[in-house]
């Protein structure tokens, strides 16, 4: 090859656009978005997003559990136009992907929850607003407008009237699905937050204060933004001295199935339970008229050493049958993880930390960038698997998946239950 020929292969990529746009142009993976967020956020804020409970064993195990699955593709099939449409409790979405509830989102970027909600609406996927959001139920509904598939995630407080009032507010604001978190009898023990002093009230260490001061773009943005607060919790409704990720003395360890039955009576639309629910709990939920479960260990932020939620998909699906709603989060970092979840029997997957990293890296455009990235990865995975639709992926899942280091057991088994 001549030098001139070699030079002809070189196409220099010159940066263009705003600083935020240039930052996103260099983010090709979720790990890239995490790195960009780490560079922009103070250490205490990044740790709030990045950390888990106690020894952080579940935090590390969640993505590793997805990585343990290997594919056996079906080749020589026409996959020129795969159908990536997912379904969330009867409503179609562009992808079998949703954005999970996260607390205090505006701490990552002043645009906060409205930016996430608008990006989800543009991507035609659901977004779940947290009780612990920094934007109110009503304000998010106004910000996202018509066409958004908005869900509300509820904590059952000791103050049941406060709990029921939030249900009514979500109903009146047009939220379609109520998702009740059932893994917060008490707050998880998040060591990073305690070390950094990210508590209520704040008790920031000198190191945390100096680190915040070293990120002028961050704190200047926060100063220009609205007051940072838990917008759905009345003043005085939270305790002091607990971690900011689990702020409330209102968490109630006495919550039981009778409380959920009462909520099922109040809420008029689809209802989902969120937590590390096994087959028996999922069956109990179905018996109460609850429409689905969202398998989650809170991203490793509540009880450490819990089983990775991806491992619960097949046994829960076998117990509840094919028509019951089944969603999963905790550890999804690539479009192929979404494909794995569907192949195991889930209807769709949710992400939390990845969109917070994306928001910190580039605001609303960053969240849109993440959705586009995961969409491209998921579509490519379908094509390389020889699968033409999400429906076909779920039907063929047991033939397509194998667990690493368990070759002797053969394909993953998933059978429908008669119950």
Protein backbone atom coordinates (compact mmCIF):
# COMPACT_ATOMS: atom_id res chain seq x y z
CA UNK A 1 0.00 0.00 0.00
CA UNK A 2 1.31 3.43 -0.91
CA UNK A 3 1.54 6.22 1.66
CA UNK A 4 -1.07 8.22 -0.25
CA UNK A 5 -3.43 5.23 -0.13
CA UNK A 6 -2.87 4.85 3.60
CA UNK A 7 -3.52 8.55 4.18
CA UNK A 8 -6.74 8.22 2.24
CA UNK A 9 -8.00 5.80 4.88
CA UNK A 10 -7.51 8.38 7.61
CA UNK A 11 -10.56 10.51 8.30
CA UNK A 12 -9.83 12.74 11.28
CA UNK A 13 -12.80 13.34 13.53
CA UNK A 14 -12.82 16.95 14.60
CA UNK A 15 -14.89 17.83 17.67
CA UNK A 16 -17.92 20.01 17.00
CA UNK A 17 -20.92 21.41 18.84
CA UNK A 18 -21.19 22.55 22.44
CA UNK A 19 -18.95 21.22 25.20
CA UNK A 20 -21.75 18.92 26.35
CA UNK A 21 -22.32 17.65 22.81
CA UNK A 22 -18.61 16.99 22.36
CA UNK A 23 -18.59 15.09 25.64
CA UNK A 24 -21.42 12.84 24.51
CA UNK A 25 -19.80 12.26 21.11
CA UNK A 26 -16.98 10.43 22.91
CA UNK A 27 -19.35 8.21 24.92
CA UNK A 28 -19.85 4.90 23.12
CA UNK A 29 -20.78 2.74 26.11
CA UNK A 30 -22.49 3.01 29.47
CA UNK A 31 -19.03 2.81 31.02
CA UNK A 32 -18.04 5.92 29.03
CA UNK A 33 -21.07 7.77 30.43
CA UNK A 34 -20.12 6.68 33.93
CA UNK A 35 -16.61 8.01 33.39
CA UNK A 36 -17.93 11.33 32.11
CA UNK A 37 -20.23 11.62 35.14
CA UNK A 38 -17.37 10.82 37.49
CA UNK A 39 -15.27 13.63 36.04
CA UNK A 40 -18.11 16.16 36.35
CA UNK A 41 -19.59 15.31 39.74
CA UNK A 42 -18.15 15.87 43.21
CA UNK A 43 -16.98 12.63 44.77
CA UNK A 44 -19.77 12.58 47.39
CA UNK A 45 -22.47 13.01 44.72
CA UNK A 46 -20.93 10.41 42.41
CA UNK A 47 -20.68 7.97 45.33
CA UNK A 48 -24.36 8.53 46.11
CA UNK A 49 -25.20 7.25 42.61
CA UNK A 50 -22.46 4.67 42.32
CA UNK A 51 -22.51 3.09 45.76
CA UNK A 52 -24.37 0.21 47.33
CA UNK A 53 -25.14 -1.19 50.76
CA UNK A 54 -22.68 -2.63 53.26
CA UNK A 55 -19.92 -4.58 51.45
CA UNK A 56 -21.44 -3.83 48.02
CA UNK A 57 -21.47 -7.51 47.09
CA UNK A 58 -24.84 -7.28 45.36
CA UNK A 59 -23.71 -4.13 43.59
CA UNK A 60 -20.85 -6.08 41.98
CA UNK A 61 -22.84 -9.28 41.44
CA UNK A 62 -25.74 -7.72 39.53
CA UNK A 63 -23.92 -6.97 36.24
CA UNK A 64 -21.79 -10.10 36.63
CA UNK A 65 -24.94 -12.23 36.71
CA UNK A 66 -25.98 -10.87 33.30
CA UNK A 67 -22.47 -11.47 31.97
CA UNK A 68 -22.66 -15.15 32.92
CA UNK A 69 -25.13 -15.87 30.11
CA UNK A 70 -23.90 -16.90 26.66
CA UNK A 71 -25.78 -17.04 23.36
CA UNK A 72 -26.36 -19.82 20.86
CA UNK A 73 -27.65 -17.83 17.85
CA UNK A 74 -29.88 -19.04 15.04
CA UNK A 75 -28.24 -18.10 11.76
CA UNK A 76 -29.28 -17.71 8.11
CA UNK A 77 -32.51 -15.84 8.90
CA UNK A 78 -33.78 -12.57 7.44
CA UNK A 79 -33.17 -10.02 10.20
CA UNK A 80 -33.04 -6.94 8.00
CA UNK A 81 -35.89 -5.24 9.86
CA UNK A 82 -36.25 -6.53 13.44
CA UNK A 83 -39.25 -5.39 15.46
CA UNK A 84 -37.92 -3.96 18.74
CA UNK A 85 -41.34 -2.99 20.10
CA UNK A 86 -41.90 -3.94 23.74
CA UNK A 87 -45.08 -4.05 25.78
CA UNK A 88 -45.61 -2.61 29.27
CA UNK A 89 -48.88 -3.83 30.78
CA UNK A 90 -50.78 -3.53 27.52
CA UNK A 91 -49.09 -0.38 26.20
CA UNK A 92 -46.50 -0.66 23.40
CA UNK A 93 -43.12 1.02 23.63
CA UNK A 94 -40.35 1.53 21.07
CA UNK A 95 -38.11 -0.74 23.15
CA UNK A 96 -38.60 -3.23 25.98
CA UNK A 97 -36.79 -0.66 28.14
CA UNK A 98 -37.93 1.71 30.87
CA UNK A 99 -36.27 4.26 33.14
CA UNK A 100 -36.49 3.14 36.77
CA UNK A 101 -37.29 5.39 39.76
CA UNK A 102 -34.36 7.21 41.37
CA UNK A 103 -34.37 9.66 44.25
CA UNK A 104 -32.96 13.20 44.31
CA UNK A 105 -32.31 13.18 40.57
CA UNK A 106 -31.70 16.93 40.36
CA UNK A 107 -28.59 16.42 42.48
CA UNK A 108 -27.03 14.96 39.30
CA UNK A 109 -28.06 17.86 37.06
CA UNK A 110 -30.29 20.92 37.58
CA UNK A 111 -32.64 19.72 34.81
CA UNK A 112 -33.50 16.69 36.94
CA UNK A 113 -36.59 14.54 36.53
CA UNK A 114 -38.30 16.67 33.86
CA UNK A 115 -35.28 16.15 31.57
CA UNK A 116 -35.44 12.40 32.17
CA UNK A 117 -39.19 12.32 31.57
CA UNK A 118 -38.93 14.29 28.32
CA UNK A 119 -36.14 12.03 27.05
CA UNK A 120 -38.25 8.96 27.87
CA UNK A 121 -41.25 10.45 26.05
CA UNK A 122 -39.10 11.23 23.00
CA UNK A 123 -37.73 7.67 23.08
CA UNK A 124 -41.26 6.28 23.48
CA UNK A 125 -40.47 4.36 26.66
CA UNK A 126 -41.86 4.57 30.23
CA UNK A 127 -40.36 6.62 33.06
CA UNK A 128 -41.07 5.92 36.74
CA UNK A 129 -41.07 8.93 39.08
CA UNK A 130 -39.87 8.17 42.61
CA UNK A 131 -41.59 9.22 45.81
CA UNK A 132 -38.16 10.63 46.73
CA UNK A 133 -37.91 12.70 43.54
CA UNK A 134 -36.77 16.31 43.55
CA UNK A 135 -39.69 17.18 41.25
CA UNK A 136 -43.30 16.89 42.32
CA UNK A 137 -45.85 14.51 40.85
CA UNK A 138 -47.74 17.41 39.33
CA UNK A 139 -44.69 19.26 37.97
CA UNK A 140 -43.40 16.20 36.13
CA UNK A 141 -46.82 15.64 34.55
CA UNK A 142 -46.82 19.24 33.30
CA UNK A 143 -43.22 18.97 32.05
CA UNK A 144 -43.71 15.77 30.05
CA UNK A 145 -47.20 16.53 28.72
CA UNK A 146 -49.39 14.28 26.62
CA UNK A 147 -47.94 11.12 25.16
CA UNK A 148 -45.69 10.22 28.09
CA UNK A 149 -46.05 6.79 29.69
CA UNK A 150 -45.61 8.00 33.27
CA UNK A 151 -45.48 5.64 36.24
CA UNK A 152 -45.29 6.58 39.92
CA UNK A 153 -43.22 4.60 42.42
CA UNK A 154 -44.67 4.63 45.94
CA UNK A 155 -43.17 3.99 49.35
CA UNK A 156 -45.75 3.00 51.96
CA UNK A 157 -45.13 5.47 54.78
CA UNK A 158 -46.07 5.08 58.43
CA UNK A 159 -48.43 7.98 57.75
CA UNK A 160 -50.99 6.09 55.67
CA UNK A 161 -52.94 9.24 54.86
CA UNK A 162 -49.79 10.76 53.34
CA UNK A 163 -49.34 7.53 51.38
CA UNK A 164 -52.91 7.54 50.12
CA UNK A 165 -52.74 11.24 49.24
CA UNK A 166 -49.77 10.59 46.94
CA UNK A 167 -51.74 7.81 45.26
CA UNK A 168 -54.60 10.21 44.63
CA UNK A 169 -52.23 12.91 43.35
CA UNK A 170 -50.67 10.47 40.87
CA UNK A 171 -54.11 9.32 39.74
CA UNK A 172 -55.31 12.90 39.26
CA UNK A 173 -52.14 13.83 37.34
CA UNK A 174 -52.61 11.09 34.75
CA UNK A 175 -49.97 8.55 35.80
CA UNK A 176 -50.81 5.22 34.19
CA UNK A 177 -49.10 2.69 36.49
CA UNK A 178 -48.51 2.63 40.25
CA UNK A 179 -45.35 0.80 41.30
CA UNK A 180 -45.07 0.00 45.02
CA UNK A 181 -41.56 -0.60 46.39
CA UNK A 182 -41.63 -3.41 48.94
CA UNK A 183 -37.94 -3.72 49.87
CA UNK A 184 -37.63 -0.69 52.17
CA UNK A 185 -38.80 -1.84 55.58
CA UNK A 186 -35.75 0.10 56.76
CA UNK A 187 -33.12 2.05 54.87
CA UNK A 188 -30.07 0.23 53.51
CA UNK A 189 -26.71 0.85 55.15
CA UNK A 190 -24.85 2.86 52.50
CA UNK A 191 -21.33 3.28 53.81
CA UNK A 192 -20.11 5.70 51.14
CA UNK A 193 -22.84 8.21 51.99
CA UNK A 194 -22.00 7.99 55.69
CA UNK A 195 -18.30 8.48 55.06
CA UNK A 196 -18.97 11.48 52.82
CA UNK A 197 -21.44 12.99 55.28
CA UNK A 198 -24.25 12.93 52.73
CA UNK A 199 -26.90 12.70 55.44
CA UNK A 200 -30.07 14.49 56.49
CA UNK A 201 -29.15 16.99 57.84
CA UNK A 202 -25.88 17.16 55.86
CA UNK A 203 -22.67 16.64 57.81
CA UNK A 204 -20.19 16.93 54.95
CA UNK A 205 -16.60 16.09 55.71
CA UNK A 206 -13.87 18.61 54.98
CA UNK A 207 -12.75 16.44 52.08
CA UNK A 208 -16.27 16.44 50.61
CA UNK A 209 -16.51 20.23 50.91
CA UNK A 210 -13.15 20.70 49.20
CA UNK A 211 -14.14 18.28 46.45
CA UNK A 212 -17.40 20.12 45.81
CA UNK A 213 -15.46 23.39 45.68
CA UNK A 214 -13.16 21.86 43.05
CA UNK A 215 -16.16 21.35 40.68
CA UNK A 216 -17.28 24.95 39.96
CA UNK A 217 -19.36 23.97 36.93
CA UNK A 218 -21.33 21.62 39.14
CA UNK A 219 -22.07 23.92 42.06
CA UNK A 220 -22.67 26.96 39.86
CA UNK A 221 -25.28 24.94 37.97
CA UNK A 222 -26.89 23.91 41.23
CA UNK A 223 -26.96 27.51 42.49
CA UNK A 224 -28.73 28.61 39.31
CA UNK A 225 -31.28 25.81 39.58
CA UNK A 226 -34.34 25.44 41.75
CA UNK A 227 -34.13 24.57 45.43
CA UNK A 228 -33.04 20.97 45.89
CA UNK A 229 -35.60 19.17 48.02
CA UNK A 230 -37.74 16.06 48.23
CA UNK A 231 -40.65 17.58 46.38
CA UNK A 232 -43.29 14.96 47.19
CA UNK A 233 -42.65 14.81 50.94
CA UNK A 234 -44.04 17.60 53.15
CA UNK A 235 -41.60 19.57 55.26
CA UNK A 236 -40.89 17.62 58.41
CA UNK A 237 -41.90 14.34 56.82
CA UNK A 238 -38.40 12.90 56.88
CA UNK A 239 -36.10 12.04 59.72
CA UNK A 240 -32.64 13.34 60.46
CA UNK A 241 -29.35 11.52 60.48
CA UNK A 242 -30.27 8.81 57.96
CA UNK A 243 -28.58 8.51 54.58
CA UNK A 244 -29.87 10.78 51.87
CA UNK A 245 -30.74 7.75 49.73
CA UNK A 246 -33.01 6.39 52.44
CA UNK A 247 -33.99 9.53 54.28
CA UNK A 248 -37.20 8.80 55.96
CA UNK A 249 -38.15 7.76 59.41
CA UNK A 250 -41.46 7.17 57.66
CA UNK A 251 -40.22 3.85 56.24
CA UNK A 252 -42.50 1.33 57.90
CA UNK A 253 -41.29 -2.18 58.84
CA UNK A 254 -44.89 -3.21 59.59
CA UNK A 255 -46.11 -3.02 55.96
CA UNK A 256 -47.80 -6.26 54.96
CA UNK A 257 -50.07 -7.77 52.31
CA UNK A 258 -53.16 -6.14 53.86
CA UNK A 259 -51.65 -2.71 53.16
CA UNK A 260 -51.03 -3.69 49.55
CA UNK A 261 -54.58 -4.98 49.22
CA UNK A 262 -55.88 -1.61 50.43
CA UNK A 263 -53.69 0.23 47.90
CA UNK A 264 -54.97 -2.10 45.17
CA UNK A 265 -58.50 -0.99 46.09
CA UNK A 266 -57.59 2.71 45.89
CA UNK A 267 -55.54 2.69 42.68
CA UNK A 268 -57.68 2.40 39.57
CA UNK A 269 -55.02 1.47 36.98
CA UNK A 270 -52.32 -1.18 36.58
CA UNK A 271 -50.27 -1.85 39.72
CA UNK A 272 -46.82 -3.41 40.06
CA UNK A 273 -44.74 -4.51 43.07
CA UNK A 274 -41.02 -3.71 42.99
CA UNK A 275 -38.42 -5.65 44.94
CA UNK A 276 -36.48 -8.95 45.13
CA UNK A 277 -39.68 -10.97 44.83
CA UNK A 278 -39.48 -14.74 44.52
CA UNK A 279 -42.09 -17.07 42.99
CA UNK A 280 -44.29 -17.33 46.10
CA UNK A 281 -44.47 -13.57 46.62
CA UNK A 282 -45.23 -13.06 42.94
CA UNK A 283 -48.06 -15.60 43.16
CA UNK A 284 -49.44 -13.85 46.25
CA UNK A 285 -49.33 -10.53 44.41
CA UNK A 286 -51.19 -12.01 41.45
CA UNK A 287 -53.84 -13.32 43.83
CA UNK A 288 -54.45 -9.79 45.12
CA UNK A 289 -55.18 -8.54 41.61
CA UNK A 290 -51.77 -6.91 41.19
CA UNK A 291 -50.78 -6.80 37.54
CA UNK A 292 -47.05 -7.49 37.65
CA UNK A 293 -43.76 -7.51 39.52
CA UNK A 294 -40.61 -5.50 38.95
CA UNK A 295 -37.73 -7.71 40.07
CA UNK A 296 -35.08 -5.53 41.70
CA UNK A 297 -32.66 -5.51 44.60
CA UNK A 298 -32.57 -1.70 44.49
CA UNK A 299 -29.34 -1.86 42.52
CA UNK A 300 -27.61 -3.38 45.55
CA UNK A 301 -28.59 -0.41 47.73
CA UNK A 302 -30.84 -2.13 50.30
CA UNK A 303 -30.10 -5.68 51.51
CA UNK A 304 -26.61 -6.72 50.48
CA UNK A 305 -26.00 -10.33 49.35
CA UNK A 306 -29.41 -10.65 47.72
CA UNK A 307 -29.71 -12.83 44.64
CA UNK A 308 -29.21 -10.90 41.41
CA UNK A 309 -32.70 -10.14 40.03
CA UNK A 310 -31.84 -11.65 36.64
CA UNK A 311 -31.65 -15.02 38.41
CA UNK A 312 -35.26 -14.64 39.56
CA UNK A 313 -36.76 -14.10 36.11
CA UNK A 314 -37.12 -17.74 35.00
CA UNK A 315 -38.51 -19.15 38.29
CA UNK A 316 -40.95 -16.26 38.72
CA UNK A 317 -42.16 -16.56 35.13
CA UNK A 318 -42.64 -20.31 35.60
CA UNK A 319 -44.74 -19.66 38.70
CA UNK A 320 -47.01 -16.87 37.44
CA UNK A 321 -47.51 -17.89 33.81
CA UNK A 322 -46.99 -16.03 30.58
CA UNK A 323 -49.57 -13.24 30.88
CA UNK A 324 -48.48 -11.70 34.20
CA UNK A 325 -46.31 -8.56 33.93
CA UNK A 326 -42.64 -9.23 34.71
CA UNK A 327 -39.93 -6.55 34.64
CA UNK A 328 -36.36 -6.47 35.90
CA UNK A 329 -33.57 -4.02 36.74
CA UNK A 330 -30.25 -4.01 38.64
CA UNK A 331 -27.09 -4.58 36.61
CA UNK A 332 -28.20 -3.80 33.05
CA UNK A 333 -25.33 -2.08 31.24
CA UNK A 334 -25.77 -3.05 27.58
CA UNK A 335 -28.49 -3.77 25.05
CA UNK A 336 -27.53 -7.44 25.18
CA UNK A 337 -28.49 -7.46 28.88
CA UNK A 338 -31.97 -6.36 27.85
CA UNK A 339 -32.05 -9.22 25.34
CA UNK A 340 -30.96 -11.68 28.03
CA UNK A 341 -33.75 -10.50 30.34
CA UNK A 342 -36.36 -10.97 27.60
CA UNK A 343 -35.00 -14.39 26.64
CA UNK A 344 -35.30 -15.51 30.26
CA UNK A 345 -38.96 -14.52 30.37
CA UNK A 346 -39.16 -10.83 31.28
CA UNK A 347 -41.47 -8.48 29.42
CA UNK A 348 -38.99 -5.60 29.65
CA UNK A 349 -36.00 -4.23 31.54
CA UNK A 350 -35.36 -0.98 33.41
CA UNK A 351 -32.18 1.01 34.03
CA UNK A 352 -31.40 3.43 36.85
CA UNK A 353 -27.76 4.32 37.35
CA UNK A 354 -27.00 4.47 33.60
CA UNK A 355 -29.46 7.28 32.97
CA UNK A 356 -28.22 9.18 36.03
CA UNK A 357 -24.68 8.99 34.64
CA UNK A 358 -26.02 10.12 31.28
CA UNK A 359 -27.93 12.99 32.88
CA UNK A 360 -24.81 14.15 34.72
CA UNK A 361 -22.77 13.91 31.52
CA UNK A 362 -25.13 15.77 29.22
CA UNK A 363 -28.50 16.66 30.72
CA UNK A 364 -31.60 15.71 28.74
CA UNK A 365 -29.50 15.10 25.63
CA UNK A 366 -27.37 12.70 27.65
CA UNK A 367 -30.39 10.61 28.60
CA UNK A 368 -31.50 10.59 24.97
CA UNK A 369 -27.97 9.53 23.99
CA UNK A 370 -28.19 6.59 26.41
CA UNK A 371 -31.59 5.48 25.07
CA UNK A 372 -30.27 5.60 21.51
CA UNK A 373 -27.14 3.68 22.50
CA UNK A 374 -29.09 0.90 24.23
CA UNK A 375 -31.54 0.77 21.33
CA UNK A 376 -28.72 0.27 18.82
CA UNK A 377 -27.07 -2.39 20.98
CA UNK A 378 -30.36 -4.24 21.49
CA UNK A 379 -31.26 -4.13 17.79
CA UNK A 380 -27.82 -5.41 16.79
CA UNK A 381 -28.09 -8.22 19.36
CA UNK A 382 -31.43 -9.33 17.91
CA UNK A 383 -29.99 -9.37 14.41
CA UNK A 384 -26.89 -11.33 15.37
CA UNK A 385 -29.03 -13.79 17.33
CA UNK A 386 -31.15 -14.40 14.24
CA UNK A 387 -34.25 -13.09 15.99
CA UNK A 388 -36.83 -10.92 14.24
CA UNK A 389 -38.89 -9.51 17.13
CA UNK A 390 -39.11 -9.15 20.89
CA UNK A 391 -41.97 -11.67 20.86
CA UNK A 392 -39.78 -14.19 19.04
CA UNK A 393 -36.87 -13.52 21.41
CA UNK A 394 -39.01 -14.42 24.39
CA UNK A 395 -40.43 -17.52 22.67
CA UNK A 396 -36.99 -18.79 21.59
CA UNK A 397 -35.17 -17.69 24.73
CA UNK A 398 -34.49 -21.13 26.25
CA UNK A 399 -32.86 -22.26 22.99
CA UNK A 400 -30.69 -19.15 22.71
CA UNK A 401 -29.22 -18.94 26.21
CA UNK A 402 -26.63 -20.96 28.10
CA UNK A 403 -25.04 -20.21 31.44
CA UNK A 404 -21.27 -19.90 31.48
CA UNK A 405 -19.54 -22.75 33.34
CA UNK A 406 -22.78 -24.77 33.34
CA UNK A 407 -22.51 -26.32 29.87
CA UNK A 408 -23.43 -29.73 31.22
CA UNK A 409 -26.90 -28.50 32.13
CA UNK A 410 -27.66 -27.51 28.53
CA UNK A 411 -29.94 -24.66 27.51
CA UNK A 412 -31.69 -22.49 30.05
CA UNK A 413 -35.00 -24.08 31.03
CA UNK A 414 -38.15 -21.97 31.22
CA UNK A 415 -41.51 -23.67 31.41
CA UNK A 416 -44.96 -22.19 31.74
CA UNK A 417 -46.79 -22.91 34.97
CA UNK A 418 -50.29 -24.35 35.12
CA UNK A 419 -51.09 -22.03 38.03
